[in-house]
Amino acid sequence: GVRALLDALQRGGYLAAYAIDDGDADEGLWQQRSSLSSTRLTVTLTDSAALRAALLLNGRGVSPELARPLLSAFFASRGAEVTEQSDFFLDGEYRENPKEYRPTQQLLSFTIAPSGAPR
């Protein structure tokens, strides 16, 4: 699923590494298809090919990031709906001077719910 897509992007050289935080997932709640079924999923992309362009275009309503639309399409194909999404940029190294901020990671945060579940 999600890991296979991200593995393919990594093998293709699009990103150096990735991590998935799906600790919010609860299979029992998901099966209920209720207003409590939504879950948060965060994907961390390290050194993606689109990172610099995504930083430049951040907040302008457009993103060159390839992984987000791929993951959103995957969720839709599995009967899930993306109800909320956001991006964050991280520098993996602490720097005292904020002018030296050099992000190497982009966090793609999704809130997904079963299609047709009440909100």
Protein backbone atom coordinates (compact mmCIF):
# COMPACT_ATOMS: atom_id res chain seq x y z
CA GLY A 1 0.00 0.00 0.00
CA VAL A 2 1.44 3.29 1.20
CA ARG A 3 4.84 1.76 1.91
CA ALA A 4 4.99 0.22 -1.58
CA LEU A 5 4.32 3.63 -3.18
CA LEU A 6 6.96 5.33 -1.05
CA ASP A 7 9.43 2.49 -1.67
CA ALA A 8 8.97 3.00 -5.41
CA LEU A 9 9.64 6.74 -5.04
CA GLN A 10 12.75 5.99 -3.00
CA ARG A 11 14.05 3.39 -5.50
CA GLY A 12 13.46 5.90 -8.29
CA GLY A 13 15.65 8.47 -6.52
CA TYR A 14 12.78 10.88 -5.78
CA LEU A 15 13.49 10.84 -2.05
CA ALA A 16 16.33 9.68 0.18
CA ALA A 17 14.16 8.20 2.93
CA TYR A 18 10.69 8.26 4.42
CA ALA A 19 8.87 7.51 7.65
CA ILE A 20 5.20 6.85 8.34
CA ASP A 21 3.43 7.71 11.59
CA ASP A 22 0.13 5.84 11.69
CA GLY A 23 -0.09 5.60 15.48
CA ASP A 24 -3.55 7.20 15.43
CA ALA A 25 -5.06 4.32 13.41
CA ASP A 26 -7.75 2.23 15.10
CA GLU A 27 -9.10 -0.60 12.95
CA GLY A 28 -12.20 -1.03 15.15
CA LEU A 29 -13.21 2.63 14.81
CA TRP A 30 -12.45 2.58 11.09
CA GLN A 31 -14.82 -0.38 10.59
CA GLN A 32 -17.62 1.49 12.39
CA ARG A 33 -17.61 4.16 9.64
CA SER A 34 -18.76 6.77 12.15
CA SER A 35 -17.78 10.37 12.87
CA LEU A 36 -15.05 8.91 15.13
CA SER A 37 -13.50 6.87 12.30
CA SER A 38 -11.19 9.56 10.95
CA THR A 39 -7.49 9.02 11.55
CA ARG A 40 -4.34 11.07 11.13
CA LEU A 41 -1.46 9.80 9.05
CA THR A 42 1.85 11.66 8.75
CA VAL A 43 4.43 10.84 6.11
CA THR A 44 7.91 12.32 6.49
CA LEU A 45 9.88 12.69 3.26
CA THR A 46 13.62 13.23 3.60
CA ASP A 47 15.49 15.07 0.85
CA SER A 48 12.75 14.76 -1.78
CA ALA A 49 13.46 16.07 -5.26
CA ALA A 50 10.66 18.63 -4.86
CA LEU A 51 11.66 19.91 -1.41
CA ARG A 52 13.24 23.21 -2.51
CA ALA A 53 10.44 24.02 -4.95
CA ALA A 54 7.82 23.13 -2.32
CA LEU A 55 9.48 25.58 0.08
CA LEU A 56 9.40 28.34 -2.52
CA LEU A 57 5.74 27.75 -3.36
CA ASN A 58 4.57 27.07 0.20
CA GLY A 59 1.34 28.91 0.99
CA ARG A 60 0.58 29.77 -2.63
CA GLY A 61 -2.03 27.07 -3.17
CA VAL A 62 0.15 24.94 -5.42
CA SER A 63 2.75 22.31 -4.66
CA PRO A 64 5.21 20.45 -6.88
CA GLU A 65 5.26 17.58 -4.38
CA LEU A 66 4.52 14.31 -6.20
CA ALA A 67 3.93 12.10 -3.16
CA ARG A 68 0.83 13.94 -1.85
CA PRO A 69 -1.39 13.43 -4.95
CA LEU A 70 -0.15 9.85 -5.31
CA LEU A 71 -1.05 9.06 -1.70
CA SER A 72 -4.40 10.87 -1.94
CA ALA A 73 -5.28 8.85 -5.07
CA PHE A 74 -4.22 5.65 -3.30
CA PHE A 75 -6.47 6.45 -0.31
CA ALA A 76 -9.41 7.15 -2.64
CA SER A 77 -8.84 3.85 -4.45
CA ARG A 78 -9.10 2.09 -1.08
CA GLY A 79 -12.37 3.75 -0.05
CA ALA A 80 -10.87 6.50 2.08
CA GLU A 81 -11.41 10.22 1.77
CA VAL A 82 -8.82 12.87 2.64
CA THR A 83 -10.71 15.37 4.82
CA GLU A 84 -7.75 17.56 5.81
CA GLN A 85 -4.13 17.91 4.76
CA SER A 86 -1.18 20.09 5.67
CA ASP A 87 2.56 20.39 5.09
CA PHE A 88 5.39 21.16 7.47
CA PHE A 89 9.10 21.60 6.79
CA LEU A 90 11.79 20.47 9.23
CA ASP A 91 15.51 20.98 9.58
CA GLY A 92 16.88 17.80 11.12
CA GLU A 93 19.62 19.75 12.87
CA TYR A 94 19.17 22.38 15.58
CA ARG A 95 20.70 25.71 14.61
CA GLU A 96 20.83 28.66 17.00
CA ASN A 97 20.65 31.19 14.19
CA PRO A 98 17.22 31.00 12.46
CA LYS A 99 18.79 32.41 9.28
CA GLU A 100 20.67 29.13 8.96
CA TYR A 101 17.42 27.12 8.76
CA ARG A 102 17.90 24.43 6.09
CA PRO A 103 14.95 22.07 5.92
CA THR A 104 15.70 18.54 4.80
CA GLN A 105 12.31 17.01 5.53
CA GLN A 106 8.75 17.64 4.48
CA LEU A 107 5.93 16.27 6.61
CA LEU A 108 2.74 15.46 4.74
CA SER A 109 -0.09 15.25 7.23
CA PHE A 110 -3.40 13.67 6.20
CA THR A 111 -6.67 13.19 8.03
CA ILE A 112 -8.52 10.38 6.33
CA ALA A 113 -11.95 8.89 6.89
CA PRO A 114 -13.93 6.08 5.30
CA SER A 115 -15.78 7.41 2.23
CA GLY A 116 -19.34 8.32 3.16
CA ALA A 117 -18.69 8.32 6.92
CA PRO A 118 -20.53 11.09 8.81
CA ARG A 119 -18.44 14.03 10.00
